[in-house]
PDB file of all heavy atoms in Angstrom:
ATOM      1  N   GLU A   1       0.909-106.746  81.557  1.00  0.00           N
ATOM      2  CA  GLU A   1       0.753-106.134  80.248  1.00  0.00           C
ATOM      3  C   GLU A   1       0.498-104.643  80.381  1.00  0.00           C
ATOM      4  O   GLU A   1       0.131-104.149  81.454  1.00  0.00           O
ATOM      5  CB  GLU A   1      -0.404-106.784  79.489  1.00  0.00           C
ATOM      6  CG  GLU A   1      -1.760-106.605  80.182  1.00  0.00           C
ATOM      7  CD  GLU A   1      -2.876-107.364  79.489  1.00  0.00           C
ATOM      8  OE1 GLU A   1      -2.583-108.308  78.754  1.00  0.00           O
ATOM      9  OE2 GLU A   1      -4.045-106.986  79.686  1.00  0.00           O
ATOM     10  N   SER A   2       0.697-103.931  79.296  1.00  0.00           N
ATOM     11  CA  SER A   2       0.388-102.503  79.238  1.00  0.00           C
ATOM     12  C   SER A   2      -1.004-102.321  78.649  1.00  0.00           C
ATOM     13  O   SER A   2      -1.391-103.039  77.728  1.00  0.00           O
ATOM     14  CB  SER A   2       1.425-101.770  78.381  1.00  0.00           C
ATOM     15  OG  SER A   2       2.733-101.933  78.905  1.00  0.00           O
ATOM     16  N   ALA A   3      -1.763-101.389  79.204  1.00  0.00           N
ATOM     17  CA  ALA A   3      -3.120-101.129  78.710  1.00  0.00           C
ATOM     18  C   ALA A   3      -3.560 -99.751  79.164  1.00  0.00           C
ATOM     19  O   ALA A   3      -2.997 -99.186  80.108  1.00  0.00           O
ATOM     20  CB  ALA A   3      -4.094-102.189  79.220  1.00  0.00           C
ATOM     21  N   ARG A   4      -4.556 -99.208  78.504  1.00  0.00           N
ATOM     22  CA  ARG A   4      -5.166 -97.991  78.993  1.00  0.00           C
ATOM     23  C   ARG A   4      -6.042 -98.346  80.196  1.00  0.00           C
ATOM     24  O   ARG A   4      -6.631 -99.422  80.240  1.00  0.00           O
ATOM     25  CB  ARG A   4      -5.995 -97.324  77.900  1.00  0.00           C
ATOM     26  CG  ARG A   4      -5.149 -96.809  76.738  1.00  0.00           C
ATOM     27  CD  ARG A   4      -6.030 -96.155  75.685  1.00  0.00           C
ATOM     28  NE  ARG A   4      -5.235 -95.773  74.517  1.00  0.00           N
ATOM     29  CZ  ARG A   4      -4.613 -94.602  74.395  1.00  0.00           C
ATOM     30  NH1 ARG A   4      -4.708 -93.710  75.373  1.00  0.00           N
ATOM     31  NH2 ARG A   4      -3.898 -94.315  73.322  1.00  0.00           N
ATOM     32  N   ILE A   5      -6.125 -97.448  81.168  1.00  0.00           N
ATOM     33  CA  ILE A   5      -6.866 -97.725  82.392  1.00  0.00           C
ATOM     34  C   ILE A   5      -8.308 -98.126  82.078  1.00  0.00           C
ATOM     35  O   ILE A   5      -8.826 -99.113  82.609  1.00  0.00           O
ATOM     36  CB  ILE A   5      -6.831 -96.506  83.332  1.00  0.00           C
ATOM     37  CG1 ILE A   5      -5.402 -96.264  83.841  1.00  0.00           C
ATOM     38  CG2 ILE A   5      -7.792 -96.702  84.500  1.00  0.00           C
ATOM     39  CD1 ILE A   5      -5.242 -94.988  84.659  1.00  0.00           C
ATOM     40  N   GLY A   6      -8.964 -97.366  81.203  1.00  0.00           N
ATOM     41  CA  GLY A   6     -10.350 -97.659  80.865  1.00  0.00           C
ATOM     42  C   GLY A   6     -10.526 -99.026  80.236  1.00  0.00           C
ATOM     43  O   GLY A   6     -11.470 -99.756  80.565  1.00  0.00           O
ATOM     44  N   ASP A   7      -9.631 -99.391  79.329  1.00  0.00           N
ATOM     45  CA  ASP A   7      -9.721-100.699  78.676  1.00  0.00           C
ATOM     46  C   ASP A   7      -9.538-101.828  79.689  1.00  0.00           C
ATOM     47  O   ASP A   7     -10.235-102.858  79.626  1.00  0.00           O
ATOM     48  CB  ASP A   7      -8.677-100.815  77.570  1.00  0.00           C
ATOM     49  CG  ASP A   7      -8.960 -99.876  76.398  1.00  0.00           C
ATOM     50  OD1 ASP A   7     -10.111 -99.418  76.272  1.00  0.00           O
ATOM     51  OD2 ASP A   7      -8.015 -99.588  75.629  1.00  0.00           O
ATOM     52  N   ALA A   8      -8.590-101.647  80.615  1.00  0.00           N
ATOM     53  CA  ALA A   8      -8.337-102.677  81.624  1.00  0.00           C
ATOM     54  C   ALA A   8      -9.559-102.881  82.502  1.00  0.00           C
ATOM     55  O   ALA A   8      -9.924-104.021  82.837  1.00  0.00           O
ATOM     56  CB  ALA A   8      -7.127-102.294  82.471  1.00  0.00           C
ATOM     57  N   LEU A   9     -10.238-101.787  82.880  1.00  0.00           N
ATOM     58  CA  LEU A   9     -11.403-101.890  83.751  1.00  0.00           C
ATOM     59  C   LEU A   9     -12.632-102.402  83.005  1.00  0.00           C
ATOM     60  O   LEU A   9     -13.412-103.191  83.552  1.00  0.00           O
ATOM     61  CB  LEU A   9     -11.701-100.528  84.381  1.00  0.00           C
ATOM     62  CG  LEU A   9     -10.663-100.002  85.367  1.00  0.00           C
ATOM     63  CD1 LEU A   9     -11.045 -98.600  85.839  1.00  0.00           C
ATOM     64  CD2 LEU A   9     -10.511-100.936  86.555  1.00  0.00           C
ATOM     65  N   ASP A  10     -12.802-101.964  81.764  1.00  0.00           N
ATOM     66  CA  ASP A  10     -13.984-102.367  81.003  1.00  0.00           C
ATOM     67  C   ASP A  10     -14.044-103.878  80.805  1.00  0.00           C
ATOM     68  O   ASP A  10     -15.132-104.448  80.664  1.00  0.00           O
ATOM     69  CB  ASP A  10     -14.010-101.671  79.636  1.00  0.00           C
ATOM     70  CG  ASP A  10     -14.357-100.192  79.753  1.00  0.00           C
ATOM     71  OD1 ASP A  10     -14.829 -99.775  80.829  1.00  0.00           O
ATOM     72  OD2 ASP A  10     -14.126 -99.454  78.771  1.00  0.00           O
ATOM     73  N   ALA A  11     -12.895-104.530  80.804  1.00  0.00           N
ATOM     74  CA  ALA A  11     -12.860-105.984  80.634  1.00  0.00           C
ATOM     75  C   ALA A  11     -13.544-106.700  81.799  1.00  0.00           C
ATOM     76  O   ALA A  11     -13.918-107.872  81.675  1.00  0.00           O
ATOM     77  CB  ALA A  11     -11.410-106.462  80.504  1.00  0.00           C
ATOM     78  N   TYR A  12     -13.706-105.999  82.935  1.00  0.00           N
ATOM     79  CA  TYR A  12     -14.315-106.610  84.122  1.00  0.00           C
ATOM     80  C   TYR A  12     -15.654-105.979  84.481  1.00  0.00           C
ATOM     81  O   TYR A  12     -16.186-106.247  85.565  1.00  0.00           O
ATOM     82  CB  TYR A  12     -13.366-106.485  85.313  1.00  0.00           C
ATOM     83  CG  TYR A  12     -12.076-107.237  85.137  1.00  0.00           C
ATOM     84  CD1 TYR A  12     -10.956-106.611  84.592  1.00  0.00           C
ATOM     85  CD2 TYR A  12     -11.971-108.573  85.497  1.00  0.00           C
ATOM     86  CE1 TYR A  12      -9.764-107.302  84.423  1.00  0.00           C
ATOM     87  CE2 TYR A  12     -10.792-109.269  85.330  1.00  0.00           C
ATOM     88  CZ  TYR A  12      -9.690-108.624  84.790  1.00  0.00           C
ATOM     89  OH  TYR A  12      -8.513-109.314  84.621  1.00  0.00           O
ATOM     90  N   ASP A  13     -16.208-105.166  83.608  1.00  0.00           N
ATOM     91  CA  ASP A  13     -17.443-104.456  83.927  1.00  0.00           C
ATOM     92  C   ASP A  13     -18.562-105.435  84.258  1.00  0.00           C
ATOM     93  O   ASP A  13     -18.771-106.420  83.551  1.00  0.00           O
ATOM     94  CB  ASP A  13     -17.853-103.578  82.736  1.00  0.00           C
ATOM     95  CG  ASP A  13     -18.937-102.584  83.114  1.00  0.00           C
ATOM     96  OD1 ASP A  13     -18.943-102.142  84.278  1.00  0.00           O
ATOM     97  OD2 ASP A  13     -19.762-102.253  82.249  1.00  0.00           O
ATOM     98  N   MET A  14     -19.256-105.172  85.357  1.00  0.00           N
ATOM     99  CA  MET A  14     -20.391-105.956  85.833  1.00  0.00           C
ATOM    100  C   MET A  14     -19.997-107.341  86.355  1.00  0.00           C
ATOM    101  O   MET A  14     -20.873-108.160  86.627  1.00  0.00           O
ATOM    102  CB  MET A  14     -21.454-106.123  84.719  1.00  0.00           C
ATOM    103  CG  MET A  14     -21.958-104.814  84.140  1.00  0.00           C
ATOM    104  SD  MET A  14     -22.714-103.747  85.396  1.00  0.00           S
ATOM    105  CE  MET A  14     -24.173-104.699  85.801  1.00  0.00           C
ATOM    106  N   ARG A  15     -18.721-107.610  86.500  1.00  0.00           N
ATOM    107  CA  ARG A  15     -18.336-108.921  87.024  1.00  0.00           C
ATOM    108  C   ARG A  15     -17.168-108.859  88.004  1.00  0.00           C
ATOM    109  O   ARG A  15     -16.490-109.851  88.224  1.00  0.00           O
ATOM    110  CB  ARG A  15     -18.003-109.882  85.870  1.00  0.00           C
ATOM    111  CG  ARG A  15     -16.803-109.510  85.031  1.00  0.00           C
ATOM    112  CD  ARG A  15     -16.621-110.513  83.892  1.00  0.00           C
ATOM    113  NE  ARG A  15     -15.384-110.323  83.148  1.00  0.00           N
ATOM    114  CZ  ARG A  15     -14.242-110.933  83.439  1.00  0.00           C
ATOM    115  NH1 ARG A  15     -14.167-111.760  84.455  1.00  0.00           N
ATOM    116  NH2 ARG A  15     -13.158-110.717  82.704  1.00  0.00           N
ATOM    117  N   ALA A  16     -16.959-107.682  88.606  1.00  0.00           N
ATOM    118  CA  ALA A  16     -15.846-107.552  89.546  1.00  0.00           C
ATOM    119  C   ALA A  16     -16.129-106.435  90.535  1.00  0.00           C
ATOM    120  O   ALA A  16     -17.022-105.600  90.337  1.00  0.00           O
ATOM    121  CB  ALA A  16     -14.537-107.274  88.792  1.00  0.00           C
ATOM    122  N   ILE A  17     -15.368-106.432  91.618  1.00  0.00           N
ATOM    123  CA  ILE A  17     -15.348-105.329  92.562  1.00  0.00           C
ATOM    124  C   ILE A  17     -13.907-104.841  92.645  1.00  0.00           C
ATOM    125  O   ILE A  17     -12.969-105.646  92.596  1.00  0.00           O
ATOM    126  CB  ILE A  17     -15.861-105.762  93.961  1.00  0.00           C
ATOM    127  CG1 ILE A  17     -15.869-104.569  94.928  1.00  0.00           C
ATOM    128  CG2 ILE A  17     -15.057-106.930  94.525  1.00  0.00           C
ATOM    129  CD1 ILE A  17     -16.559-104.873  96.262  1.00  0.00           C
ATOM    130  N   VAL A  18     -13.721-103.529  92.707  1.00  0.00           N
ATOM    131  CA  VAL A  18     -12.373-102.987  92.749  1.00  0.00           C
ATOM    132  C   VAL A  18     -12.194-102.140  94.003  1.00  0.00           C
ATOM    133  O   VAL A  18     -13.141-101.576  94.544  1.00  0.00           O
ATOM    134  CB  VAL A  18     -12.040-102.133  91.498  1.00  0.00           C
ATOM    135  CG1 VAL A  18     -12.128-102.971  90.237  1.00  0.00           C
ATOM    136  CG2 VAL A  18     -12.951-100.919  91.414  1.00  0.00           C
ATOM    137  N   GLY A  19     -10.953-102.085  94.449  1.00  0.00           N
ATOM    138  CA  GLY A  19     -10.586-101.238  95.566  1.00  0.00           C
ATOM    139  C   GLY A  19      -9.580-100.199  95.103  1.00  0.00           C
ATOM    140  O   GLY A  19      -8.685-100.503  94.299  1.00  0.00           O
ATOM    141  N   ILE A  20      -9.739 -98.976  95.571  1.00  0.00           N
ATOM    142  CA  ILE A  20      -8.818 -97.889  95.232  1.00  0.00           C
ATOM    143  C   ILE A  20      -7.832 -97.738  96.386  1.00  0.00           C
ATOM    144  O   ILE A  20      -8.234 -97.545  97.541  1.00  0.00           O
ATOM    145  CB  ILE A  20      -9.565 -96.560  95.014  1.00  0.00           C
ATOM    146  CG1 ILE A  20     -10.745 -96.764  94.059  1.00  0.00           C
ATOM    147  CG2 ILE A  20      -8.604 -95.500  94.494  1.00  0.00           C
ATOM    148  CD1 ILE A  20     -10.380 -97.265  92.692  1.00  0.00           C
ATOM    149  N   LEU A  21      -6.543 -97.836  96.081  1.00  0.00           N
ATOM    150  CA  LEU A  21      -5.495 -97.680  97.072  1.00  0.00           C
ATOM    151  C   LEU A  21      -4.751 -96.373  96.820  1.00  0.00           C
ATOM    152  O   LEU A  21      -4.323 -96.099  95.695  1.00  0.00           O
ATOM    153  CB  LEU A  21      -4.497 -98.849  97.004  1.00  0.00           C
ATOM    154  CG  LEU A  21      -5.067-100.268  97.025  1.00  0.00           C
ATOM    155  CD1 LEU A  21      -3.925-101.282  97.024  1.00  0.00           C
ATOM    156  CD2 LEU A  21      -5.976-100.496  98.216  1.00  0.00           C
ATOM    157  N   HIS A  22      -4.578 -95.576  97.857  1.00  0.00           N
ATOM    158  CA  HIS A  22      -3.846 -94.322  97.740  1.00  0.00           C
ATOM    159  C   HIS A  22      -2.390 -94.568  98.106  1.00  0.00           C
ATOM    160  O   HIS A  22      -2.093 -95.221  99.116  1.00  0.00           O
ATOM    161  CB  HIS A  22      -4.446 -93.268  98.667  1.00  0.00           C
ATOM    162  CG  HIS A  22      -3.815 -91.925  98.535  1.00  0.00           C
ATOM    163  ND1 HIS A  22      -3.706 -91.025  99.574  1.00  0.00           N
ATOM    164  CD2 HIS A  22      -3.235 -91.309  97.459  1.00  0.00           C
ATOM    165  CE1 HIS A  22      -3.105 -89.930  99.154  1.00  0.00           C
ATOM    166  NE2 HIS A  22      -2.809 -90.079  97.876  1.00  0.00           N
ATOM    167  N   VAL A  23      -1.487 -94.048  97.269  1.00  0.00           N
ATOM    168  CA  VAL A  23      -0.048 -94.161  97.525  1.00  0.00           C
ATOM    169  C   VAL A  23       0.505 -92.734  97.591  1.00  0.00           C
ATOM    170  O   VAL A  23       0.905 -92.163  96.575  1.00  0.00           O
ATOM    171  CB  VAL A  23       0.662 -94.972  96.427  1.00  0.00           C
ATOM    172  CG1 VAL A  23       2.105 -95.287  96.836  1.00  0.00           C
ATOM    173  CG2 VAL A  23      -0.099 -96.261  96.129  1.00  0.00           C
ATOM    174  N   PRO A  24       0.528 -92.115  98.787  1.00  0.00           N
ATOM    175  CA  PRO A  24       0.935 -90.703  98.895  1.00  0.00           C
ATOM    176  C   PRO A  24       2.332 -90.430  98.349  1.00  0.00           C
ATOM    177  O   PRO A  24       2.567 -89.382  97.733  1.00  0.00           O
ATOM    178  CB  PRO A  24       0.858 -90.437 100.410  1.00  0.00           C
ATOM    179  CG  PRO A  24      -0.133 -91.432 100.921  1.00  0.00           C
ATOM    180  CD  PRO A  24       0.076 -92.656 100.083  1.00  0.00           C
ATOM    181  N   ALA A  25       3.262 -91.347  98.562  1.00  0.00           N
ATOM    182  CA  ALA A  25       4.638 -91.128  98.105  1.00  0.00           C
ATOM    183  C   ALA A  25       4.717 -91.033  96.588  1.00  0.00           C
ATOM    184  O   ALA A  25       5.628 -90.407  96.046  1.00  0.00           O
ATOM    185  CB  ALA A  25       5.546 -92.254  98.604  1.00  0.00           C
ATOM    186  N   TRP A  26       3.757 -91.644  95.890  1.00  0.00           N
ATOM    187  CA  TRP A  26       3.714 -91.586  94.434  1.00  0.00           C
ATOM    188  C   TRP A  26       2.788 -90.473  93.946  1.00  0.00           C
ATOM    189  O   TRP A  26       2.714 -90.225  92.742  1.00  0.00           O
ATOM    190  CB  TRP A  26       3.206 -92.910  93.853  1.00  0.00           C
ATOM    191  CG  TRP A  26       4.112 -94.080  94.083  1.00  0.00           C
ATOM    192  CD1 TRP A  26       5.348 -94.069  94.676  1.00  0.00           C
ATOM    193  CD2 TRP A  26       3.844 -95.437  93.724  1.00  0.00           C
ATOM    194  NE1 TRP A  26       5.860 -95.340  94.709  1.00  0.00           N
ATOM    195  CE2 TRP A  26       4.968 -96.202  94.128  1.00  0.00           C
ATOM    196  CE3 TRP A  26       2.775 -96.087  93.111  1.00  0.00           C
ATOM    197  CZ2 TRP A  26       5.040 -97.578  93.939  1.00  0.00           C
ATOM    198  CZ3 TRP A  26       2.842 -97.452  92.914  1.00  0.00           C
ATOM    199  CH2 TRP A  26       3.964 -98.197  93.326  1.00  0.00           C
ATOM    200  N   ASP A  27       2.062 -89.843  94.873  1.00  0.00           N
ATOM    201  CA  ASP A  27       1.025 -88.880  94.509  1.00  0.00           C
ATOM    202  C   ASP A  27       0.094 -89.506  93.483  1.00  0.00           C
ATOM    203  O   ASP A  27      -0.228 -88.915  92.446  1.00  0.00           O
ATOM    204  CB  ASP A  27       1.658 -87.589  93.960  1.00  0.00           C
ATOM    205  CG  ASP A  27       0.627 -86.467  93.797  1.00  0.00           C
ATOM    206  OD1 ASP A  27      -0.394 -86.503  94.507  1.00  0.00           O
ATOM    207  OD2 ASP A  27       0.838 -85.581  92.952  1.00  0.00           O
ATOM    208  N   ASN A  28      -0.334 -90.735  93.786  1.00  0.00           N
ATOM    209  CA  ASN A  28      -1.106 -91.485  92.805  1.00  0.00           C
ATOM    210  C   ASN A  28      -1.970 -92.526  93.506  1.00  0.00           C
ATOM    211  O   ASN A  28      -1.859 -92.721  94.725  1.00  0.00           O
ATOM    212  CB  ASN A  28      -0.164 -92.175  91.815  1.00  0.00           C
ATOM    213  CG  ASN A  28      -0.636 -92.027  90.377  1.00  0.00           C
ATOM    214  OD1 ASN A  28      -1.801 -92.285  90.075  1.00  0.00           O
ATOM    215  ND2 ASN A  28       0.257 -91.601  89.498  1.00  0.00           N
ATOM    216  N   ARG A  29      -2.795 -93.200  92.721  1.00  0.00           N
ATOM    217  CA  ARG A  29      -3.649 -94.258  93.233  1.00  0.00           C
ATOM    218  C   ARG A  29      -3.527 -95.499  92.367  1.00  0.00           C
ATOM    219  O   ARG A  29      -3.253 -95.403  91.168  1.00  0.00           O
ATOM    220  CB  ARG A  29      -5.108 -93.789  93.307  1.00  0.00           C
ATOM    221  CG  ARG A  29      -5.353 -92.835  94.465  1.00  0.00           C
ATOM    222  CD  ARG A  29      -6.706 -92.155  94.403  1.00  0.00           C
ATOM    223  NE  ARG A  29      -6.961 -91.388  95.613  1.00  0.00           N
ATOM    224  CZ  ARG A  29      -6.441 -90.185  95.865  1.00  0.00           C
ATOM    225  NH1 ARG A  29      -5.634 -89.616  94.979  1.00  0.00           N
ATOM    226  NH2 ARG A  29      -6.719 -89.561  96.993  1.00  0.00           N
ATOM    227  N   VAL A  30      -3.730 -96.640  92.990  1.00  0.00           N
ATOM    228  CA  VAL A  30      -3.641 -97.935  92.333  1.00  0.00           C
ATOM    229  C   VAL A  30      -4.988 -98.631  92.472  1.00  0.00           C
ATOM    230  O   VAL A  30      -5.685 -98.461  93.480  1.00  0.00           O
ATOM    231  CB  VAL A  30      -2.521 -98.781  92.993  1.00  0.00           C
ATOM    232  CG1 VAL A  30      -2.555-100.223  92.512  1.00  0.00           C
ATOM    233  CG2 VAL A  30      -1.154 -98.154  92.725  1.00  0.00           C
ATOM    234  N   ILE A  31      -5.363 -99.383  91.460  1.00  0.00           N
ATOM    235  CA  ILE A  31      -6.629-100.126  91.490  1.00  0.00           C
ATOM    236  C   ILE A  31      -6.332-101.614  91.661  1.00  0.00           C
ATOM    237  O   ILE A  31      -5.498-102.182  90.951  1.00  0.00           O
ATOM    238  CB  ILE A  31      -7.426 -99.918  90.193  1.00  0.00           C
ATOM    239  CG1 ILE A  31      -7.770 -98.431  90.010  1.00  0.00           C
ATOM    240  CG2 ILE A  31      -8.705-100.756  90.196  1.00  0.00           C
ATOM    241  CD1 ILE A  31      -8.416 -98.127  88.669  1.00  0.00           C
ATOM    242  N   VAL A  32      -7.021-102.246  92.603  1.00  0.00           N
ATOM    243  CA  VAL A  32      -6.965-103.690  92.787  1.00  0.00           C
ATOM    244  C   VAL A  32      -8.369-104.226  92.558  1.00  0.00           C
ATOM    245  O   VAL A  32      -9.352-103.650  93.043  1.00  0.00           O
ATOM    246  CB  VAL A  32      -6.486-104.066  94.203  1.00  0.00           C
ATOM    247  CG1 VAL A  32      -6.527-105.582  94.402  1.00  0.00           C
ATOM    248  CG2 VAL A  32      -5.095-103.530  94.462  1.00  0.00           C
ATOM    249  N   GLY A  33      -8.495-105.314  91.815  1.00  0.00           N
ATOM    250  CA  GLY A  33      -9.815-105.856  91.528  1.00  0.00           C
ATOM    251  C   GLY A  33      -9.895-107.353  91.744  1.00  0.00           C
ATOM    252  O   GLY A  33      -8.900-108.068  91.591  1.00  0.00           O
ATOM    253  N   PHE A  34     -11.088-107.817  92.123  1.00  0.00           N
ATOM    254  CA  PHE A  34     -11.385-109.245  92.262  1.00  0.00           C
ATOM    255  C   PHE A  34     -12.605-109.555  91.406  1.00  0.00           C
ATOM    256  O   PHE A  34     -13.622-108.847  91.493  1.00  0.00           O
ATOM    257  CB  PHE A  34     -11.730-109.616  93.713  1.00  0.00           C
ATOM    258  CG  PHE A  34     -10.750-109.155  94.751  1.00  0.00           C
ATOM    259  CD1 PHE A  34     -11.191-108.608  95.944  1.00  0.00           C
ATOM    260  CD2 PHE A  34      -9.377-109.277  94.543  1.00  0.00           C
ATOM    261  CE1 PHE A  34     -10.300-108.187  96.920  1.00  0.00           C
ATOM    262  CE2 PHE A  34      -8.467-108.848  95.513  1.00  0.00           C
ATOM    263  CZ  PHE A  34      -8.931-108.309  96.707  1.00  0.00           C
ATOM    264  N   ASP A  35     -12.534-110.618  90.615  1.00  0.00           N
ATOM    265  CA  ASP A  35     -13.749-111.004  89.911  1.00  0.00           C
ATOM    266  C   ASP A  35     -14.678-111.750  90.873  1.00  0.00           C
ATOM    267  O   ASP A  35     -14.317-112.056  92.014  1.00  0.00           O
ATOM    268  CB  ASP A  35     -13.438-111.800  88.641  1.00  0.00           C
ATOM    269  CG  ASP A  35     -12.947-113.226  88.887  1.00  0.00           C
ATOM    270  OD1 ASP A  35     -12.834-113.631  90.065  1.00  0.00           O
ATOM    271  OD2 ASP A  35     -12.680-113.930  87.900  1.00  0.00           O
ATOM    272  N   ARG A  36     -15.901-112.000  90.433  1.00  0.00           N
ATOM    273  CA  ARG A  36     -16.901-112.599  91.326  1.00  0.00           C
ATOM    274  C   ARG A  36     -16.463-113.966  91.846  1.00  0.00           C
ATOM    275  O   ARG A  36     -16.671-114.291  93.026  1.00  0.00           O
ATOM    276  CB  ARG A  36     -18.246-112.723  90.595  1.00  0.00           C
ATOM    277  CG  ARG A  36     -18.912-111.392  90.329  1.00  0.00           C
ATOM    278  CD  ARG A  36     -20.213-111.593  89.552  1.00  0.00           C
ATOM    279  NE  ARG A  36     -20.849-110.309  89.305  1.00  0.00           N
ATOM    280  CZ  ARG A  36     -21.662-109.697  90.158  1.00  0.00           C
ATOM    281  NH1 ARG A  36     -21.927-110.264  91.317  1.00  0.00           N
ATOM    282  NH2 ARG A  36     -22.215-108.539  89.851  1.00  0.00           N
ATOM    283  N   ASP A  37     -15.866-114.781  90.976  1.00  0.00           N
ATOM    284  CA  ASP A  37     -15.436-116.106  91.412  1.00  0.00           C
ATOM    285  C   ASP A  37     -14.395-115.997  92.526  1.00  0.00           C
ATOM    286  O   ASP A  37     -14.377-116.818  93.449  1.00  0.00           O
ATOM    287  CB  ASP A  37     -14.858-116.898  90.234  1.00  0.00           C
ATOM    288  CG  ASP A  37     -15.941-117.314  89.246  1.00  0.00           C
ATOM    289  OD1 ASP A  37     -17.121-117.356  89.638  1.00  0.00           O
ATOM    290  OD2 ASP A  37     -15.601-117.598  88.081  1.00  0.00           O
ATOM    291  N   PHE A  38     -13.525-115.006  92.430  1.00  0.00           N
ATOM    292  CA  PHE A  38     -12.524-114.774  93.485  1.00  0.00           C
ATOM    293  C   PHE A  38     -13.233-114.489  94.805  1.00  0.00           C
ATOM    294  O   PHE A  38     -12.917-115.086  95.842  1.00  0.00           O
ATOM    295  CB  PHE A  38     -11.628-113.608  93.078  1.00  0.00           C
ATOM    296  CG  PHE A  38     -10.520-113.293  94.049  1.00  0.00           C
ATOM    297  CD1 PHE A  38      -9.213-113.668  93.778  1.00  0.00           C
ATOM    298  CD2 PHE A  38     -10.775-112.603  95.236  1.00  0.00           C
ATOM    299  CE1 PHE A  38      -8.181-113.375  94.666  1.00  0.00           C
ATOM    300  CE2 PHE A  38      -9.759-112.303  96.128  1.00  0.00           C
ATOM    301  CZ  PHE A  38      -8.454-112.694  95.843  1.00  0.00           C
ATOM    302  N   VAL A  39     -14.202-113.577  94.776  1.00  0.00           N
ATOM    303  CA  VAL A  39     -14.906-113.197  96.011  1.00  0.00           C
ATOM    304  C   VAL A  39     -15.678-114.382  96.576  1.00  0.00           C
ATOM    305  O   VAL A  39     -15.602-114.667  97.785  1.00  0.00           O
ATOM    306  CB  VAL A  39     -15.854-112.013  95.746  1.00  0.00           C
ATOM    307  CG1 VAL A  39     -16.640-111.679  97.015  1.00  0.00           C
ATOM    308  CG2 VAL A  39     -15.074-110.786  95.273  1.00  0.00           C
ATOM    309  N   TYR A  40     -16.418-115.100  95.726  1.00  0.00           N
ATOM    310  CA  TYR A  40     -17.188-116.253  96.206  1.00  0.00           C
ATOM    311  C   TYR A  40     -16.273-117.288  96.851  1.00  0.00           C
ATOM    312  O   TYR A  40     -16.590-117.844  97.910  1.00  0.00           O
ATOM    313  CB  TYR A  40     -17.946-116.912  95.043  1.00  0.00           C
ATOM    314  CG  TYR A  40     -18.998-116.045  94.386  1.00  0.00           C
ATOM    315  CD1 TYR A  40     -19.378-116.267  93.063  1.00  0.00           C
ATOM    316  CD2 TYR A  40     -19.629-115.009  95.076  1.00  0.00           C
ATOM    317  CE1 TYR A  40     -20.353-115.493  92.449  1.00  0.00           C
ATOM    318  CE2 TYR A  40     -20.598-114.227  94.471  1.00  0.00           C
ATOM    319  CZ  TYR A  40     -20.952-114.466  93.157  1.00  0.00           C
ATOM    320  OH  TYR A  40     -21.912-113.685  92.556  1.00  0.00           O
ATOM    321  N   THR A  41     -15.138-117.561  96.205  1.00  0.00           N
ATOM    322  CA  THR A  41     -14.212-118.569  96.733  1.00  0.00           C
ATOM    323  C   THR A  41     -13.625-118.135  98.062  1.00  0.00           C
ATOM    324  O   THR A  41     -13.543-118.921  99.014  1.00  0.00           O
ATOM    325  CB  THR A  41     -13.083-118.833  95.714  1.00  0.00           C
ATOM    326  OG1 THR A  41     -13.635-119.320  94.497  1.00  0.00           O
ATOM    327  CG2 THR A  41     -12.104-119.874  96.254  1.00  0.00           C
TER     328      THR A  41
END
């Protein structure tokens, strides 16, 4: 889906951990996140 970055992240506030990935060829960064159940499992 399409969303604003802040809205996408706020949906997981206090219940997830995210990793920042750098993509030099894109001159940009990507966010990957896992919710707590994902990490526990």
